[in-house]
Amino acid sequence: MVTISVCVGSSCHLKGAYDIIRVCEEMIERLGLKDKVELKGTFCLGQCTEEGVTVVIEGETLHGVSAENFEKVFAEKVLQKLTEENRGNN
C-alpha cells in the first residue's frame, strides 16, 4: 500500500490542491489501484513558501506539485514503489 498525502492547508488550497486530488482519484480509478493506494488530505505541512502544492508520498515530501505535473509524479513515485513492492513479493 502506498500512501499519498496532499496538503489542503490555505496556501496549498489556493495553489490547486483539490485539482491534484481530483487527478489522483481519476488515476487510481483508471489504473485499478484502489486497494494499493491510499489518498489522504492533510492540513498545513509548513512548506507554504515552496512552489506549488506539497505532497507526501511514503514519507517523502515533494514540493512544486501541480495538476499539470502530477501524472509524472505519480508514475515516478507511486507506480515505481508499487513495482518494487511486487518484485519483493515474488
PDB file of N, CA and C in Angstrom:
ATOM      1  N   MET A   1       0.851  -1.182   0.000  1.00  0.00           N
ATOM      2  CA  MET A   1       0.000   0.000   0.000  1.00  0.00           C
ATOM      3  C   MET A   1       0.887   1.233   0.000  1.00  0.00           C
ATOM      4  N   VAL A   2       0.614   2.141  -0.907  1.00  0.00           N
ATOM      5  CA  VAL A   2       1.330   3.409  -0.982  1.00  0.00           C
ATOM      6  C   VAL A   2       0.382   4.504  -0.496  1.00  0.00           C
ATOM      7  N   THR A   3       0.871   5.343   0.410  1.00  0.00           N
ATOM      8  CA  THR A   3       0.066   6.428   0.953  1.00  0.00           C
ATOM      9  C   THR A   3       0.498   7.755   0.345  1.00  0.00           C
ATOM     10  N   ILE A   4      -0.481   8.493  -0.158  1.00  0.00           N
ATOM     11  CA  ILE A   4      -0.269   9.826  -0.712  1.00  0.00           C
ATOM     12  C   ILE A   4      -1.047  10.804   0.155  1.00  0.00           C
ATOM     13  N   SER A   5      -0.341  11.797   0.702  1.00  0.00           N
ATOM     14  CA  SER A   5      -0.987  12.839   1.498  1.00  0.00           C
ATOM     15  C   SER A   5      -0.821  14.168   0.785  1.00  0.00           C
ATOM     16  N   VAL A   6      -1.929  14.810   0.474  1.00  0.00           N
ATOM     17  CA  VAL A   6      -1.917  16.099  -0.215  1.00  0.00           C
ATOM     18  C   VAL A   6      -2.280  17.187   0.786  1.00  0.00           C
ATOM     19  N   CYS A   7      -1.411  18.181   0.904  1.00  0.00           N
ATOM     20  CA  CYS A   7      -1.699  19.300   1.799  1.00  0.00           C
ATOM     21  C   CYS A   7      -2.912  20.060   1.280  1.00  0.00           C
ATOM     22  N   VAL A   8      -3.866  20.305   2.161  1.00  0.00           N
ATOM     23  CA  VAL A   8      -5.046  21.087   1.803  1.00  0.00           C
ATOM     24  C   VAL A   8      -5.155  22.344   2.673  1.00  0.00           C
ATOM     25  N   GLY A   9      -4.020  22.743   3.246  1.00  0.00           N
ATOM     26  CA  GLY A   9      -3.982  23.989   4.010  1.00  0.00           C
ATOM     27  C   GLY A   9      -4.270  25.171   3.101  1.00  0.00           C
ATOM     28  N   SER A  10      -4.427  26.336   3.671  1.00  0.00           N
ATOM     29  CA  SER A  10      -4.838  27.531   2.913  1.00  0.00           C
ATOM     30  C   SER A  10      -3.970  27.795   1.700  1.00  0.00           C
ATOM     31  N   SER A  11      -2.665  27.789   1.873  1.00  0.00           N
ATOM     32  CA  SER A  11      -1.752  28.109   0.779  1.00  0.00           C
ATOM     33  C   SER A  11      -1.835  27.058  -0.335  1.00  0.00           C
ATOM     34  N   CYS A  12      -1.783  25.791   0.034  1.00  0.00           N
ATOM     35  CA  CYS A  12      -1.849  24.726  -0.976  1.00  0.00           C
ATOM     36  C   CYS A  12      -3.228  24.662  -1.628  1.00  0.00           C
ATOM     37  N   HIS A  13      -4.258  24.968  -0.849  1.00  0.00           N
ATOM     38  CA  HIS A  13      -5.602  25.031  -1.421  1.00  0.00           C
ATOM     39  C   HIS A  13      -5.633  26.039  -2.569  1.00  0.00           C
ATOM     40  N   LEU A  14      -5.053  27.205  -2.333  1.00  0.00           N
ATOM     41  CA  LEU A  14      -5.028  28.255  -3.357  1.00  0.00           C
ATOM     42  C   LEU A  14      -4.134  27.886  -4.540  1.00  0.00           C
ATOM     43  N   LYS A  15      -3.155  27.024  -4.297  1.00  0.00           N
ATOM     44  CA  LYS A  15      -2.231  26.600  -5.358  1.00  0.00           C
ATOM     45  C   LYS A  15      -2.752  25.410  -6.165  1.00  0.00           C
ATOM     46  N   GLY A  16      -3.934  24.878  -5.786  1.00  0.00           N
ATOM     47  CA  GLY A  16      -4.534  23.814  -6.588  1.00  0.00           C
ATOM     48  C   GLY A  16      -4.550  22.424  -5.980  1.00  0.00           C
ATOM     49  N   ALA A  17      -4.528  22.335  -4.670  1.00  0.00           N
ATOM     50  CA  ALA A  17      -4.522  21.028  -4.014  1.00  0.00           C
ATOM     51  C   ALA A  17      -5.705  20.152  -4.438  1.00  0.00           C
ATOM     52  N   TYR A  18      -6.872  20.749  -4.560  1.00  0.00           N
ATOM     53  CA  TYR A  18      -8.050  19.946  -4.894  1.00  0.00           C
ATOM     54  C   TYR A  18      -8.025  19.472  -6.337  1.00  0.00           C
ATOM     55  N   ASP A  19      -7.341  20.196  -7.212  1.00  0.00           N
ATOM     56  CA  ASP A  19      -7.151  19.719  -8.584  1.00  0.00           C
ATOM     57  C   ASP A  19      -6.249  18.485  -8.592  1.00  0.00           C
ATOM     58  N   ILE A  20      -5.223  18.502  -7.754  1.00  0.00           N
ATOM     59  CA  ILE A  20      -4.328  17.341  -7.640  1.00  0.00           C
ATOM     60  C   ILE A  20      -5.089  16.144  -7.099  1.00  0.00           C
ATOM     61  N   ILE A  21      -5.906  16.360  -6.103  1.00  0.00           N
ATOM     62  CA  ILE A  21      -6.698  15.269  -5.537  1.00  0.00           C
ATOM     63  C   ILE A  21      -7.607  14.673  -6.604  1.00  0.00           C
ATOM     64  N   ARG A  22      -8.240  15.516  -7.402  1.00  0.00           N
ATOM     65  CA  ARG A  22      -9.120  15.034  -8.472  1.00  0.00           C
ATOM     66  C   ARG A  22      -8.333  14.187  -9.480  1.00  0.00           C
ATOM     67  N   VAL A  23      -7.186  14.684  -9.922  1.00  0.00           N
ATOM     68  CA  VAL A  23      -6.358  13.946 -10.883  1.00  0.00           C
ATOM     69  C   VAL A  23      -5.914  12.612 -10.276  1.00  0.00           C
ATOM     70  N   CYS A  24      -5.522  12.634  -9.024  1.00  0.00           N
ATOM     71  CA  CYS A  24      -5.081  11.412  -8.350  1.00  0.00           C
ATOM     72  C   CYS A  24      -6.216  10.396  -8.252  1.00  0.00           C
ATOM     73  N   GLU A  25      -7.385  10.852  -7.861  1.00  0.00           N
ATOM     74  CA  GLU A  25      -8.539   9.945  -7.780  1.00  0.00           C
ATOM     75  C   GLU A  25      -8.835   9.317  -9.140  1.00  0.00           C
ATOM     76  N   GLU A  26      -8.761  10.125 -10.188  1.00  0.00           N
ATOM     77  CA  GLU A  26      -9.011   9.615 -11.543  1.00  0.00           C
ATOM     78  C   GLU A  26      -7.972   8.570 -11.935  1.00  0.00           C
ATOM     79  N   MET A  27      -6.707   8.807 -11.596  1.00  0.00           N
ATOM     80  CA  MET A  27      -5.644   7.857 -11.933  1.00  0.00           C
ATOM     81  C   MET A  27      -5.800   6.550 -11.159  1.00  0.00           C
ATOM     82  N   ILE A  28      -6.108   6.656  -9.883  1.00  0.00           N
ATOM     83  CA  ILE A  28      -6.305   5.457  -9.057  1.00  0.00           C
ATOM     84  C   ILE A  28      -7.436   4.612  -9.641  1.00  0.00           C
ATOM     85  N   GLU A  29      -8.518   5.263 -10.017  1.00  0.00           N
ATOM     86  CA  GLU A  29      -9.668   4.566 -10.603  1.00  0.00           C
ATOM     87  C   GLU A  29      -9.300   3.941 -11.952  1.00  0.00           C
ATOM     88  N   ARG A  30      -8.711   4.737 -12.825  1.00  0.00           N
ATOM     89  CA  ARG A  30      -8.364   4.288 -14.183  1.00  0.00           C
ATOM     90  C   ARG A  30      -7.384   3.118 -14.171  1.00  0.00           C
ATOM     91  N   LEU A  31      -6.440   3.134 -13.228  1.00  0.00           N
ATOM     92  CA  LEU A  31      -5.411   2.099 -13.165  1.00  0.00           C
ATOM     93  C   LEU A  31      -5.790   0.930 -12.253  1.00  0.00           C
ATOM     94  N   GLY A  32      -6.978   1.002 -11.654  1.00  0.00           N
ATOM     95  CA  GLY A  32      -7.442  -0.084 -10.788  1.00  0.00           C
ATOM     96  C   GLY A  32      -6.587  -0.266  -9.541  1.00  0.00           C
ATOM     97  N   LEU A  33      -6.228   0.842  -8.898  1.00  0.00           N
ATOM     98  CA  LEU A  33      -5.316   0.788  -7.753  1.00  0.00           C
ATOM     99  C   LEU A  33      -5.975   1.115  -6.412  1.00  0.00           C
ATOM    100  N   LYS A  34      -7.294   1.006  -6.359  1.00  0.00           N
ATOM    101  CA  LYS A  34      -7.999   1.372  -5.122  1.00  0.00           C
ATOM    102  C   LYS A  34      -7.503   0.599  -3.899  1.00  0.00           C
ATOM    103  N   ASP A  35      -7.100  -0.644  -4.088  1.00  0.00           N
ATOM    104  CA  ASP A  35      -6.634  -1.461  -2.962  1.00  0.00           C
ATOM    105  C   ASP A  35      -5.130  -1.337  -2.737  1.00  0.00           C
ATOM    106  N   LYS A  36      -4.450  -0.512  -3.549  1.00  0.00           N
ATOM    107  CA  LYS A  36      -2.994  -0.383  -3.449  1.00  0.00           C
ATOM    108  C   LYS A  36      -2.526   1.028  -3.103  1.00  0.00           C
ATOM    109  N   VAL A  37      -3.415   2.013  -3.245  1.00  0.00           N
ATOM    110  CA  VAL A  37      -3.045   3.407  -2.996  1.00  0.00           C
ATOM    111  C   VAL A  37      -4.056   4.042  -2.062  1.00  0.00           C
ATOM    112  N   GLU A  38      -3.551   4.658  -1.000  1.00  0.00           N
ATOM    113  CA  GLU A  38      -4.392   5.389  -0.058  1.00  0.00           C
ATOM    114  C   GLU A  38      -4.149   6.876  -0.272  1.00  0.00           C
ATOM    115  N   LEU A  39      -5.193   7.622  -0.563  1.00  0.00           N
ATOM    116  CA  LEU A  39      -5.120   9.064  -0.780  1.00  0.00           C
ATOM    117  C   LEU A  39      -5.732   9.767   0.415  1.00  0.00           C
ATOM    118  N   LYS A  40      -4.955  10.688   0.995  1.00  0.00           N
ATOM    119  CA  LYS A  40      -5.429  11.422   2.162  1.00  0.00           C
ATOM    120  C   LYS A  40      -5.158  12.911   1.981  1.00  0.00           C
ATOM    121  N   GLY A  41      -5.992  13.713   2.601  1.00  0.00           N
ATOM    122  CA  GLY A  41      -5.729  15.138   2.706  1.00  0.00           C
ATOM    123  C   GLY A  41      -5.089  15.390   4.054  1.00  0.00           C
ATOM    124  N   THR A  42      -4.226  16.379   4.123  1.00  0.00           N
ATOM    125  CA  THR A  42      -3.599  16.723   5.388  1.00  0.00           C
ATOM    126  C   THR A  42      -3.568  18.232   5.529  1.00  0.00           C
ATOM    127  N   PHE A  43      -3.637  18.697   6.750  1.00  0.00           N
ATOM    128  CA  PHE A  43      -3.565  20.137   6.961  1.00  0.00           C
ATOM    129  C   PHE A  43      -2.125  20.605   6.812  1.00  0.00           C
ATOM    130  N   CYS A  44      -1.895  21.849   6.967  1.00  0.00           N
ATOM    131  CA  CYS A  44      -0.627  22.501   6.650  1.00  0.00           C
ATOM    132  C   CYS A  44       0.593  21.690   7.076  1.00  0.00           C
ATOM    133  N   LEU A  45       1.506  21.552   6.116  1.00  0.00           N
ATOM    134  CA  LEU A  45       2.757  20.833   6.359  1.00  0.00           C
ATOM    135  C   LEU A  45       3.918  21.799   6.582  1.00  0.00           C
ATOM    136  N   GLY A  46       3.607  23.095   6.680  1.00  0.00           N
ATOM    137  CA  GLY A  46       4.628  24.086   6.988  1.00  0.00           C
ATOM    138  C   GLY A  46       5.583  24.386   5.845  1.00  0.00           C
ATOM    139  N   GLN A  47       5.159  24.122   4.638  1.00  0.00           N
ATOM    140  CA  GLN A  47       6.001  24.354   3.463  1.00  0.00           C
ATOM    141  C   GLN A  47       5.394  25.438   2.564  1.00  0.00           C
ATOM    142  N   CYS A  48       4.717  26.376   3.141  1.00  0.00           N
ATOM    143  CA  CYS A  48       3.920  27.356   2.404  1.00  0.00           C
ATOM    144  C   CYS A  48       4.726  28.233   1.457  1.00  0.00           C
ATOM    145  N   THR A  49       6.001  28.439   1.728  1.00  0.00           N
ATOM    146  CA  THR A  49       6.804  29.306   0.871  1.00  0.00           C
ATOM    147  C   THR A  49       7.358  28.570  -0.350  1.00  0.00           C
ATOM    148  N   GLU A  50       7.188  27.256  -0.398  1.00  0.00           N
ATOM    149  CA  GLU A  50       7.673  26.473  -1.530  1.00  0.00           C
ATOM    150  C   GLU A  50       6.745  26.635  -2.727  1.00  0.00           C
ATOM    151  N   GLU A  51       7.276  26.370  -3.911  1.00  0.00           N
ATOM    152  CA  GLU A  51       6.469  26.394  -5.137  1.00  0.00           C
ATOM    153  C   GLU A  51       5.418  25.293  -5.100  1.00  0.00           C
ATOM    154  N   GLY A  52       4.274  25.535  -5.682  1.00  0.00           N
ATOM    155  CA  GLY A  52       3.250  24.510  -5.858  1.00  0.00           C
ATOM    156  C   GLY A  52       2.718  23.929  -4.570  1.00  0.00           C
ATOM    157  N   VAL A  53       2.033  22.820  -4.727  1.00  0.00           N
ATOM    158  CA  VAL A  53       1.399  22.118  -3.611  1.00  0.00           C
ATOM    159  C   VAL A  53       2.402  21.141  -3.009  1.00  0.00           C
ATOM    160  N   THR A  54       2.329  20.963  -1.705  1.00  0.00           N
ATOM    161  CA  THR A  54       3.177  19.991  -1.023  1.00  0.00           C
ATOM    162  C   THR A  54       2.426  18.667  -0.927  1.00  0.00           C
ATOM    163  N   VAL A  55       3.099  17.608  -1.364  1.00  0.00           N
ATOM    164  CA  VAL A  55       2.546  16.260  -1.337  1.00  0.00           C
ATOM    165  C   VAL A  55       3.572  15.352  -0.667  1.00  0.00           C
ATOM    166  N   VAL A  56       3.088  14.458   0.198  1.00  0.00           N
ATOM    167  CA  VAL A  56       3.969  13.485   0.842  1.00  0.00           C
ATOM    168  C   VAL A  56       3.583  12.106   0.325  1.00  0.00           C
ATOM    169  N   ILE A  57       4.569  11.409  -0.251  1.00  0.00           N
ATOM    170  CA  ILE A  57       4.353  10.049  -0.747  1.00  0.00           C
ATOM    171  C   ILE A  57       5.307   9.131  -0.009  1.00  0.00           C
ATOM    172  N   GLU A  58       4.741   8.250   0.804  1.00  0.00           N
ATOM    173  CA  GLU A  58       5.532   7.304   1.583  1.00  0.00           C
ATOM    174  C   GLU A  58       6.643   8.003   2.368  1.00  0.00           C
ATOM    175  N   GLY A  59       6.300   9.112   3.004  1.00  0.00           N
ATOM    176  CA  GLY A  59       7.243   9.827   3.856  1.00  0.00           C
ATOM    177  C   GLY A  59       8.156  10.798   3.128  1.00  0.00           C
ATOM    178  N   GLU A  60       8.147  10.810   1.805  1.00  0.00           N
ATOM    179  CA  GLU A  60       8.975  11.728   1.032  1.00  0.00           C
ATOM    180  C   GLU A  60       8.157  12.980   0.708  1.00  0.00           C
ATOM    181  N   THR A  61       8.638  14.138   1.160  1.00  0.00           N
ATOM    182  CA  THR A  61       7.945  15.394   0.930  1.00  0.00           C
ATOM    183  C   THR A  61       8.353  15.961  -0.423  1.00  0.00           C
ATOM    184  N   LEU A  62       7.348  16.247  -1.244  1.00  0.00           N
ATOM    185  CA  LEU A  62       7.569  16.787  -2.579  1.00  0.00           C
ATOM    186  C   LEU A  62       6.970  18.179  -2.664  1.00  0.00           C
ATOM    187  N   HIS A  63       7.692  19.083  -3.306  1.00  0.00           N
ATOM    188  CA  HIS A  63       7.227  20.452  -3.496  1.00  0.00           C
ATOM    189  C   HIS A  63       7.017  20.692  -4.981  1.00  0.00           C
ATOM    190  N   GLY A  64       6.279  21.716  -5.293  1.00  0.00           N
ATOM    191  CA  GLY A  64       6.107  22.103  -6.692  1.00  0.00           C
ATOM    192  C   GLY A  64       5.170  21.206  -7.471  1.00  0.00           C
ATOM    193  N   VAL A  65       4.334  20.480  -6.770  1.00  0.00           N
ATOM    194  CA  VAL A  65       3.400  19.574  -7.436  1.00  0.00           C
ATOM    195  C   VAL A  65       2.197  20.384  -7.921  1.00  0.00           C
ATOM    196  N   SER A  66       1.746  20.050  -9.121  1.00  0.00           N
ATOM    197  CA  SER A  66       0.584  20.719  -9.704  1.00  0.00           C
ATOM    198  C   SER A  66      -0.257  19.679 -10.435  1.00  0.00           C
ATOM    199  N   ALA A  67      -1.453  20.061 -10.823  1.00  0.00           N
ATOM    200  CA  ALA A  67      -2.299  19.150 -11.591  1.00  0.00           C
ATOM    201  C   ALA A  67      -1.617  18.799 -12.914  1.00  0.00           C
ATOM    202  N   GLU A  68      -0.841  19.731 -13.448  1.00  0.00           N
ATOM    203  CA  GLU A  68      -0.176  19.512 -14.729  1.00  0.00           C
ATOM    204  C   GLU A  68       0.972  18.509 -14.644  1.00  0.00           C
ATOM    205  N   ASN A  69       1.684  18.454 -13.525  1.00  0.00           N
ATOM    206  CA  ASN A  69       2.809  17.525 -13.425  1.00  0.00           C
ATOM    207  C   ASN A  69       2.528  16.317 -12.532  1.00  0.00           C
ATOM    208  N   PHE A  70       1.297  16.220 -12.022  1.00  0.00           N
ATOM    209  CA  PHE A  70       1.019  15.140 -11.066  1.00  0.00           C
ATOM    210  C   PHE A  70       1.111  13.754 -11.690  1.00  0.00           C
ATOM    211  N   GLU A  71       0.695  13.583 -12.932  1.00  0.00           N
ATOM    212  CA  GLU A  71       0.778  12.249 -13.546  1.00  0.00           C
ATOM    213  C   GLU A  71       2.217  11.766 -13.593  1.00  0.00           C
ATOM    214  N   LYS A  72       3.152  12.658 -13.882  1.00  0.00           N
ATOM    215  CA  LYS A  72       4.576  12.299 -13.893  1.00  0.00           C
ATOM    216  C   LYS A  72       5.038  11.925 -12.486  1.00  0.00           C
ATOM    217  N   VAL A  73       4.650  12.721 -11.492  1.00  0.00           N
ATOM    218  CA  VAL A  73       4.998  12.429 -10.098  1.00  0.00           C
ATOM    219  C   VAL A  73       4.429  11.071  -9.703  1.00  0.00           C
ATOM    220  N   PHE A  74       3.185  10.814 -10.064  1.00  0.00           N
ATOM    221  CA  PHE A  74       2.521   9.546  -9.740  1.00  0.00           C
ATOM    222  C   PHE A  74       3.290   8.376 -10.350  1.00  0.00           C
ATOM    223  N   ALA A  75       3.673   8.511 -11.602  1.00  0.00           N
ATOM    224  CA  ALA A  75       4.412   7.436 -12.282  1.00  0.00           C
ATOM    225  C   ALA A  75       5.765   7.203 -11.626  1.00  0.00           C
ATOM    226  N   GLU A  76       6.479   8.277 -11.327  1.00  0.00           N
ATOM    227  CA  GLU A  76       7.821   8.153 -10.771  1.00  0.00           C
ATOM    228  C   GLU A  76       7.841   7.684  -9.322  1.00  0.00           C
ATOM    229  N   LYS A  77       6.890   8.112  -8.548  1.00  0.00           N
ATOM    230  CA  LYS A  77       6.923   7.821  -7.115  1.00  0.00           C
ATOM    231  C   LYS A  77       5.997   6.669  -6.718  1.00  0.00           C
ATOM    232  N   VAL A  78       4.768   6.685  -7.207  1.00  0.00           N
ATOM    233  CA  VAL A  78       3.784   5.684  -6.774  1.00  0.00           C
ATOM    234  C   VAL A  78       3.914   4.394  -7.573  1.00  0.00           C
ATOM    235  N   LEU A  79       3.856   4.500  -8.889  1.00  0.00           N
ATOM    236  CA  LEU A  79       3.930   3.278  -9.703  1.00  0.00           C
ATOM    237  C   LEU A  79       5.264   2.572  -9.526  1.00  0.00           C
ATOM    238  N   GLN A  80       6.340   3.343  -9.391  1.00  0.00           N
ATOM    239  CA  GLN A  80       7.653   2.733  -9.151  1.00  0.00           C
ATOM    240  C   GLN A  80       7.668   1.987  -7.820  1.00  0.00           C
ATOM    241  N   LYS A  81       7.103   2.580  -6.789  1.00  0.00           N
ATOM    242  CA  LYS A  81       7.038   1.942  -5.466  1.00  0.00           C
ATOM    243  C   LYS A  81       6.205   0.665  -5.529  1.00  0.00           C
ATOM    244  N   LEU A  82       5.084   0.695  -6.224  1.00  0.00           N
ATOM    245  CA  LEU A  82       4.240  -0.491  -6.348  1.00  0.00           C
ATOM    246  C   LEU A  82       4.963  -1.598  -7.115  1.00  0.00           C
ATOM    247  N   THR A  83       5.724  -1.229  -8.133  1.00  0.00           N
ATOM    248  CA  THR A  83       6.503  -2.206  -8.888  1.00  0.00           C
ATOM    249  C   THR A  83       7.554  -2.851  -7.990  1.00  0.00           C
ATOM    250  N   GLU A  84       8.225  -2.040  -7.173  1.00  0.00           N
ATOM    251  CA  GLU A  84       9.226  -2.563  -6.241  1.00  0.00           C
ATOM    252  C   GLU A  84       8.579  -3.508  -5.224  1.00  0.00           C
ATOM    253  N   GLU A  85       7.402  -3.148  -4.724  1.00  0.00           N
ATOM    254  CA  GLU A  85       6.691  -3.998  -3.763  1.00  0.00           C
ATOM    255  C   GLU A  85       6.318  -5.334  -4.400  1.00  0.00           C
ATOM    256  N   ASN A  86       5.870  -5.296  -5.664  1.00  0.00           N
ATOM    257  CA  ASN A  86       5.505  -6.525  -6.360  1.00  0.00           C
ATOM    258  C   ASN A  86       6.705  -7.430  -6.559  1.00  0.00           C
ATOM    259  N   ARG A  87       7.852  -6.840  -6.880  1.00  0.00           N
ATOM    260  CA  ARG A  87       9.083  -7.635  -7.037  1.00  0.00           C
ATOM    261  C   ARG A  87       9.459  -8.315  -5.740  1.00  0.00           C
ATOM    262  N   GLY A  88       9.292  -7.584  -4.632  1.00  0.00           N
ATOM    263  CA  GLY A  88       9.640  -8.132  -3.323  1.00  0.00           C
ATOM    264  C   GLY A  88       8.714  -9.255  -2.893  1.00  0.00           C
ATOM    265  N   ASN A  89       7.503  -9.279  -3.413  1.00  0.00           N
ATOM    266  CA  ASN A  89       6.542 -10.312  -3.030  1.00  0.00           C
ATOM    267  C   ASN A  89       6.639 -11.550  -3.910  1.00  0.00           C
ATOM    268  N   ASN A  90       7.440 -11.501  -4.945  1.00  0.00           N
ATOM    269  CA  ASN A  90       7.568 -12.660  -5.850  1.00  0.00           C
ATOM    270  C   ASN A  90       8.788 -13.473  -5.536  1.00  0.00           C
TER     271      ASN A  90
END
